[in-house]
N, C-alpha and C. Protein backbone atom coordinates (compact mmCIF):
# COMPACT_ATOMS: atom_id res chain seq x y z
N MET A 1 -5.82 -5.63 -5.05
CA MET A 1 -4.72 -5.89 -5.95
C MET A 1 -5.23 -6.74 -7.10
N PHE A 2 -4.75 -6.52 -8.30
CA PHE A 2 -5.19 -7.26 -9.48
C PHE A 2 -4.60 -8.65 -9.46
N ASP A 3 -5.47 -9.67 -9.58
CA ASP A 3 -5.01 -11.06 -9.53
C ASP A 3 -5.06 -11.76 -10.87
N GLY A 4 -5.22 -11.00 -11.95
CA GLY A 4 -5.27 -11.59 -13.28
C GLY A 4 -6.68 -11.95 -13.70
N ASN A 5 -7.64 -11.88 -12.80
CA ASN A 5 -9.02 -12.19 -13.10
C ASN A 5 -9.69 -10.95 -13.68
N ALA A 6 -10.30 -11.09 -14.84
CA ALA A 6 -10.93 -9.95 -15.49
C ALA A 6 -12.07 -9.38 -14.66
N ASN A 7 -12.68 -10.17 -13.78
CA ASN A 7 -13.77 -9.69 -12.94
C ASN A 7 -13.27 -8.82 -11.81
N ASN A 8 -11.95 -8.76 -11.58
CA ASN A 8 -11.38 -8.00 -10.49
C ASN A 8 -10.80 -6.67 -10.98
N VAL A 9 -11.28 -6.17 -12.11
CA VAL A 9 -10.75 -4.94 -12.68
C VAL A 9 -11.00 -3.75 -11.76
N ASN A 10 -12.10 -3.75 -10.99
CA ASN A 10 -12.41 -2.63 -10.11
C ASN A 10 -11.32 -2.36 -9.09
N ALA A 11 -10.54 -3.38 -8.73
CA ALA A 11 -9.51 -3.21 -7.72
C ALA A 11 -8.35 -2.35 -8.21
N ILE A 12 -8.18 -2.22 -9.53
CA ILE A 12 -7.06 -1.43 -10.02
C ILE A 12 -7.51 -0.16 -10.73
N ASN A 13 -8.81 0.03 -10.95
CA ASN A 13 -9.31 1.20 -11.65
C ASN A 13 -10.47 1.77 -10.85
N GLN A 14 -10.24 2.90 -10.18
CA GLN A 14 -11.27 3.45 -9.32
C GLN A 14 -12.50 3.91 -10.10
N PHE A 15 -12.37 4.19 -11.39
CA PHE A 15 -13.50 4.65 -12.18
C PHE A 15 -14.27 3.50 -12.84
N ALA A 16 -13.76 2.27 -12.81
CA ALA A 16 -14.44 1.13 -13.41
C ALA A 16 -15.76 0.85 -12.71
N SER A 17 -15.88 1.20 -11.43
CA SER A 17 -17.12 0.96 -10.71
C SER A 17 -18.27 1.80 -11.27
N TYR A 18 -17.97 2.88 -11.99
CA TYR A 18 -19.02 3.70 -12.60
C TYR A 18 -19.84 2.89 -13.60
N ASN A 19 -19.23 1.91 -14.24
CA ASN A 19 -19.95 1.08 -15.20
C ASN A 19 -21.03 0.25 -14.53
N ASP A 20 -20.90 0.00 -13.24
CA ASP A 20 -21.86 -0.82 -12.51
C ASP A 20 -22.75 0.02 -11.59
N ARG A 21 -22.93 1.30 -11.89
CA ARG A 21 -23.77 2.14 -11.04
C ARG A 21 -25.26 1.84 -11.28
N TRP A 22 -26.10 2.28 -10.33
CA TRP A 22 -27.52 2.01 -10.42
C TRP A 22 -28.13 2.73 -11.61
N SER A 23 -29.02 2.05 -12.28
CA SER A 23 -29.82 2.63 -13.36
C SER A 23 -31.13 1.86 -13.39
N PRO A 24 -32.14 2.34 -14.11
CA PRO A 24 -33.41 1.60 -14.16
C PRO A 24 -33.24 0.18 -14.71
N THR A 25 -32.23 -0.05 -15.52
CA THR A 25 -32.00 -1.39 -16.06
C THR A 25 -30.98 -2.18 -15.23
N ASN A 26 -30.32 -1.54 -14.27
CA ASN A 26 -29.33 -2.21 -13.41
C ASN A 26 -29.65 -1.88 -11.95
N THR A 27 -30.66 -2.54 -11.42
CA THR A 27 -31.11 -2.24 -10.06
C THR A 27 -30.42 -3.10 -9.00
N GLN A 28 -29.72 -4.15 -9.39
CA GLN A 28 -29.06 -5.06 -8.44
C GLN A 28 -27.57 -4.71 -8.31
N THR A 29 -27.27 -3.53 -7.81
CA THR A 29 -25.89 -3.08 -7.65
C THR A 29 -25.70 -2.45 -6.28
N LYS A 30 -24.49 -2.37 -5.83
CA LYS A 30 -24.17 -1.72 -4.56
C LYS A 30 -23.83 -0.25 -4.76
N ASN A 31 -23.66 0.19 -6.00
CA ASN A 31 -23.24 1.56 -6.29
C ASN A 31 -24.44 2.48 -6.48
N PHE A 32 -24.28 3.74 -6.08
CA PHE A 32 -25.34 4.74 -6.23
C PHE A 32 -25.57 5.08 -7.69
N ARG A 33 -26.74 5.68 -7.96
CA ARG A 33 -26.99 6.23 -9.29
C ARG A 33 -26.14 7.49 -9.42
N VAL A 34 -26.02 8.01 -10.61
CA VAL A 34 -25.25 9.24 -10.82
C VAL A 34 -25.89 10.35 -9.99
N GLY A 35 -25.09 10.99 -9.14
CA GLY A 35 -25.61 12.05 -8.28
C GLY A 35 -26.51 11.55 -7.16
N GLY A 36 -26.53 10.25 -6.90
CA GLY A 36 -27.46 9.68 -5.93
C GLY A 36 -26.91 9.54 -4.53
N ALA A 37 -25.71 9.99 -4.27
CA ALA A 37 -25.12 9.84 -2.94
C ALA A 37 -25.60 10.91 -1.98
N GLY A 38 -26.37 11.87 -2.47
CA GLY A 38 -26.86 12.93 -1.60
C GLY A 38 -26.43 14.28 -2.13
N PRO A 39 -26.64 15.33 -1.35
CA PRO A 39 -26.26 16.67 -1.79
C PRO A 39 -24.74 16.80 -1.95
N VAL A 40 -24.34 17.82 -2.64
CA VAL A 40 -22.91 18.06 -2.86
C VAL A 40 -22.18 18.14 -1.53
N GLY A 41 -21.05 17.46 -1.42
CA GLY A 41 -20.27 17.48 -0.19
C GLY A 41 -20.70 16.42 0.81
N PHE A 42 -21.65 15.60 0.46
CA PHE A 42 -22.13 14.55 1.36
C PHE A 42 -21.54 13.22 0.95
N TYR A 43 -21.02 12.47 1.91
CA TYR A 43 -20.48 11.15 1.64
C TYR A 43 -21.27 10.13 2.44
N SER A 44 -21.67 9.07 1.79
CA SER A 44 -22.49 8.06 2.43
C SER A 44 -21.64 7.12 3.27
N SER A 45 -22.20 6.66 4.39
CA SER A 45 -21.50 5.67 5.21
C SER A 45 -21.56 4.29 4.57
N ARG A 46 -22.29 4.17 3.49
CA ARG A 46 -22.41 2.89 2.78
C ARG A 46 -21.06 2.46 2.19
N THR A 47 -20.21 3.41 1.90
CA THR A 47 -18.91 3.09 1.29
C THR A 47 -17.76 3.13 2.29
N VAL A 48 -18.07 3.24 3.58
CA VAL A 48 -17.02 3.28 4.60
C VAL A 48 -16.59 1.85 4.92
N GLU A 49 -15.30 1.64 5.06
CA GLU A 49 -14.81 0.31 5.43
C GLU A 49 -13.70 0.43 6.46
N ASP A 50 -13.42 -0.67 7.13
CA ASP A 50 -12.39 -0.71 8.17
C ASP A 50 -11.02 -0.57 7.52
N GLY A 51 -10.26 0.40 7.95
CA GLY A 51 -8.92 0.62 7.40
C GLY A 51 -7.81 0.24 8.36
N SER A 52 -8.11 -0.57 9.36
CA SER A 52 -7.08 -0.96 10.32
C SER A 52 -6.05 -1.88 9.65
N TYR A 53 -4.82 -1.80 10.11
CA TYR A 53 -3.74 -2.58 9.51
C TYR A 53 -2.59 -2.71 10.49
N ILE A 54 -1.75 -3.68 10.20
CA ILE A 54 -0.46 -3.84 10.89
C ILE A 54 0.58 -3.90 9.80
N ARG A 55 1.64 -3.12 9.94
CA ARG A 55 2.67 -3.05 8.90
C ARG A 55 4.04 -3.26 9.50
N LEU A 56 4.83 -4.12 8.85
CA LEU A 56 6.24 -4.26 9.18
C LEU A 56 6.94 -3.15 8.41
N LYS A 57 7.16 -2.02 9.09
CA LYS A 57 7.61 -0.80 8.44
C LYS A 57 9.10 -0.82 8.10
N THR A 58 9.96 -1.15 9.06
CA THR A 58 11.40 -1.13 8.83
C THR A 58 12.05 -2.29 9.57
N ILE A 59 12.97 -2.95 8.88
CA ILE A 59 13.74 -4.03 9.50
C ILE A 59 15.16 -3.96 8.95
N GLN A 60 16.13 -4.25 9.81
CA GLN A 60 17.53 -4.20 9.37
C GLN A 60 18.31 -5.31 10.07
N PHE A 61 19.12 -5.99 9.28
CA PHE A 61 20.02 -7.03 9.80
C PHE A 61 21.43 -6.68 9.37
N GLY A 62 22.40 -6.96 10.24
CA GLY A 62 23.79 -6.74 9.91
C GLY A 62 24.67 -7.81 10.55
N TYR A 63 25.79 -8.10 9.91
CA TYR A 63 26.71 -9.10 10.44
C TYR A 63 28.14 -8.60 10.22
N ASN A 64 28.91 -8.51 11.31
CA ASN A 64 30.32 -8.17 11.22
C ASN A 64 31.14 -9.45 11.11
N ILE A 65 31.94 -9.54 10.07
CA ILE A 65 32.76 -10.73 9.85
C ILE A 65 33.99 -10.65 10.76
N ASN A 66 34.34 -11.77 11.35
CA ASN A 66 35.46 -11.87 12.28
C ASN A 66 36.77 -11.41 11.60
N PRO A 67 37.48 -10.41 12.16
CA PRO A 67 38.71 -9.88 11.53
C PRO A 67 39.79 -10.92 11.23
N PRO A 68 40.04 -11.92 12.06
CA PRO A 68 41.08 -12.89 11.69
C PRO A 68 40.79 -13.61 10.37
N LEU A 69 39.52 -13.79 10.03
CA LEU A 69 39.17 -14.44 8.76
C LEU A 69 39.46 -13.53 7.56
N LEU A 70 39.54 -12.22 7.80
CA LEU A 70 39.71 -11.26 6.71
C LEU A 70 41.17 -10.96 6.40
N ARG A 71 42.08 -11.30 7.28
CA ARG A 71 43.49 -10.93 7.09
C ARG A 71 44.07 -11.50 5.80
N LYS A 72 43.64 -12.70 5.44
CA LYS A 72 44.16 -13.33 4.21
C LYS A 72 43.76 -12.54 2.97
N ALA A 73 42.64 -11.81 3.04
CA ALA A 73 42.18 -11.02 1.90
C ALA A 73 42.61 -9.55 2.03
N PHE A 74 43.48 -9.24 2.99
CA PHE A 74 43.98 -7.88 3.25
C PHE A 74 42.84 -6.89 3.52
N VAL A 75 41.84 -7.35 4.28
CA VAL A 75 40.70 -6.51 4.66
C VAL A 75 40.74 -6.34 6.18
N LYS A 76 40.63 -5.07 6.66
CA LYS A 76 40.66 -4.80 8.09
C LYS A 76 39.32 -5.14 8.75
N SER A 77 38.22 -4.76 8.10
CA SER A 77 36.90 -5.05 8.66
C SER A 77 35.89 -5.20 7.52
N ALA A 78 34.85 -5.97 7.80
CA ALA A 78 33.79 -6.17 6.82
C ALA A 78 32.46 -6.33 7.54
N ARG A 79 31.44 -5.70 6.98
CA ARG A 79 30.08 -5.80 7.52
C ARG A 79 29.13 -6.04 6.37
N LEU A 80 28.30 -7.07 6.47
CA LEU A 80 27.25 -7.35 5.50
C LEU A 80 25.94 -6.91 6.12
N TYR A 81 25.06 -6.31 5.32
CA TYR A 81 23.80 -5.84 5.88
C TYR A 81 22.67 -5.96 4.87
N MET A 82 21.45 -5.98 5.40
CA MET A 82 20.23 -5.99 4.61
C MET A 82 19.20 -5.16 5.36
N SER A 83 18.50 -4.29 4.65
CA SER A 83 17.45 -3.51 5.28
C SER A 83 16.25 -3.48 4.34
N ALA A 84 15.06 -3.39 4.93
CA ALA A 84 13.83 -3.38 4.14
C ALA A 84 12.83 -2.42 4.77
N GLN A 85 12.07 -1.74 3.93
CA GLN A 85 11.00 -0.86 4.38
C GLN A 85 9.69 -1.28 3.71
N ASN A 86 8.59 -1.19 4.47
CA ASN A 86 7.26 -1.54 4.00
C ASN A 86 7.22 -2.95 3.43
N LEU A 87 7.79 -3.87 4.17
CA LEU A 87 7.94 -5.25 3.70
C LEU A 87 6.61 -6.00 3.68
N LEU A 88 5.82 -5.90 4.74
CA LEU A 88 4.56 -6.63 4.83
C LEU A 88 3.48 -5.75 5.44
N THR A 89 2.24 -5.92 4.95
CA THR A 89 1.09 -5.23 5.52
C THR A 89 -0.04 -6.23 5.65
N TRP A 90 -0.60 -6.33 6.85
CA TRP A 90 -1.75 -7.21 7.10
C TRP A 90 -2.97 -6.32 7.26
N THR A 91 -3.96 -6.48 6.36
CA THR A 91 -5.18 -5.67 6.42
C THR A 91 -6.29 -6.35 5.63
N LYS A 92 -7.52 -5.95 5.93
CA LYS A 92 -8.67 -6.38 5.13
C LYS A 92 -9.17 -5.23 4.26
N TYR A 93 -8.44 -4.12 4.26
CA TYR A 93 -8.81 -2.96 3.47
C TYR A 93 -8.72 -3.30 1.98
N SER A 94 -9.71 -2.90 1.20
CA SER A 94 -9.76 -3.28 -0.21
C SER A 94 -8.91 -2.39 -1.11
N GLY A 95 -8.48 -1.23 -0.62
CA GLY A 95 -7.65 -0.34 -1.42
C GLY A 95 -6.21 -0.81 -1.48
N GLN A 96 -5.37 -0.04 -2.19
CA GLN A 96 -3.98 -0.42 -2.34
C GLN A 96 -3.16 -0.21 -1.08
N ASP A 97 -3.47 0.83 -0.32
CA ASP A 97 -2.69 1.13 0.88
C ASP A 97 -3.61 1.69 1.96
N PRO A 98 -3.69 1.04 3.12
CA PRO A 98 -4.57 1.55 4.17
C PRO A 98 -4.05 2.83 4.82
N GLU A 99 -2.80 3.17 4.62
CA GLU A 99 -2.22 4.38 5.20
C GLU A 99 -2.41 5.53 4.22
N ILE A 100 -3.67 5.94 4.06
CA ILE A 100 -4.02 6.95 3.06
C ILE A 100 -3.72 8.34 3.59
N GLY A 101 -3.63 9.30 2.71
CA GLY A 101 -3.37 10.65 3.14
C GLY A 101 -3.24 11.62 1.98
N THR A 102 -3.46 11.17 0.76
CA THR A 102 -3.39 12.05 -0.39
C THR A 102 -4.54 13.04 -0.34
N TYR A 103 -4.29 14.30 -0.51
CA TYR A 103 -5.30 15.36 -0.49
C TYR A 103 -6.07 15.39 0.83
N ASN A 104 -5.45 15.01 1.91
CA ASN A 104 -6.14 14.99 3.20
C ASN A 104 -6.43 16.43 3.63
N SER A 105 -7.69 16.70 3.92
CA SER A 105 -8.08 18.03 4.38
C SER A 105 -9.23 17.90 5.38
N VAL A 106 -9.66 18.99 5.94
CA VAL A 106 -10.76 18.99 6.89
C VAL A 106 -12.05 18.54 6.20
N LEU A 107 -12.19 18.84 4.91
CA LEU A 107 -13.41 18.48 4.19
C LEU A 107 -13.46 17.01 3.78
N THR A 108 -12.31 16.38 3.63
CA THR A 108 -12.26 14.96 3.22
C THR A 108 -11.29 14.19 4.10
N PRO A 109 -11.58 14.07 5.40
CA PRO A 109 -10.65 13.34 6.26
C PRO A 109 -10.65 11.85 5.93
N ASN A 110 -9.46 11.30 5.77
CA ASN A 110 -9.29 9.87 5.52
C ASN A 110 -10.06 9.37 4.31
N PHE A 111 -10.24 10.20 3.32
CA PHE A 111 -10.91 9.83 2.07
C PHE A 111 -9.84 9.29 1.13
N ASP A 112 -10.04 8.09 0.62
CA ASP A 112 -9.03 7.44 -0.22
C ASP A 112 -9.15 7.93 -1.66
N TRP A 113 -8.20 8.75 -2.08
CA TRP A 113 -8.17 9.28 -3.45
C TRP A 113 -7.32 8.39 -4.35
N SER A 114 -7.01 7.18 -3.92
CA SER A 114 -6.25 6.19 -4.70
C SER A 114 -4.86 6.70 -5.08
N GLY A 115 -4.16 7.26 -4.10
CA GLY A 115 -2.77 7.65 -4.33
C GLY A 115 -1.88 6.43 -4.44
N TYR A 116 -0.67 6.63 -4.86
CA TYR A 116 0.26 5.51 -4.98
C TYR A 116 0.54 4.90 -3.61
N PRO A 117 0.61 3.58 -3.52
CA PRO A 117 0.94 2.95 -2.24
C PRO A 117 2.40 3.21 -1.88
N ARG A 118 2.75 3.05 -0.63
CA ARG A 118 4.14 3.23 -0.21
C ARG A 118 5.02 2.16 -0.86
N ALA A 119 6.16 2.59 -1.31
CA ALA A 119 7.07 1.67 -2.01
C ALA A 119 7.71 0.68 -1.05
N ARG A 120 7.88 -0.53 -1.51
CA ARG A 120 8.63 -1.55 -0.77
C ARG A 120 10.08 -1.41 -1.23
N THR A 121 10.98 -1.23 -0.28
CA THR A 121 12.39 -1.03 -0.61
C THR A 121 13.24 -2.07 0.12
N ILE A 122 14.10 -2.74 -0.61
CA ILE A 122 15.02 -3.71 -0.02
C ILE A 122 16.43 -3.31 -0.44
N THR A 123 17.32 -3.18 0.54
CA THR A 123 18.71 -2.80 0.29
C THR A 123 19.64 -3.86 0.86
N ILE A 124 20.58 -4.30 0.05
CA ILE A 124 21.58 -5.28 0.47
C ILE A 124 22.95 -4.68 0.17
N GLY A 125 23.89 -4.80 1.10
CA GLY A 125 25.20 -4.21 0.85
C GLY A 125 26.29 -4.75 1.75
N ALA A 126 27.47 -4.22 1.53
CA ALA A 126 28.65 -4.60 2.32
C ALA A 126 29.50 -3.36 2.53
N ASN A 127 30.03 -3.22 3.74
CA ASN A 127 30.99 -2.17 4.07
C ASN A 127 32.34 -2.84 4.30
N LEU A 128 33.33 -2.46 3.51
CA LEU A 128 34.67 -3.04 3.63
C LEU A 128 35.67 -1.94 3.94
N THR A 129 36.60 -2.24 4.85
CA THR A 129 37.71 -1.34 5.16
C THR A 129 39.00 -2.07 4.85
N PHE A 130 39.79 -1.47 3.95
CA PHE A 130 41.07 -2.09 3.55
C PHE A 130 42.23 -1.52 4.31
């Protein structure tokens, strides 16, 4: 995730790492030279990382207000609720979302194509019956 530091640009631009690839004048890099990862269709284990994570996927809270308190407002029943999806993710994965799956195929299993991360959604509401 981008933290405002100009040195962390690689975290938001998957192609920015190309600027730091190996060349005769840039030998102190972790990135391969152009075409240096091996034959076509070969992926190096040098770029593999742990994608394990724990995610708080869905949570919902609700509260029914006591009917005697509602009579003065001419309300038969009232329920307040809040629900959230994809609220928290704990991971050491460097990409945006460890739950990858964009363009997943037999040829590129679990290959991170930098798809959009899952949206965090928070809903707050009330159900009233008059």
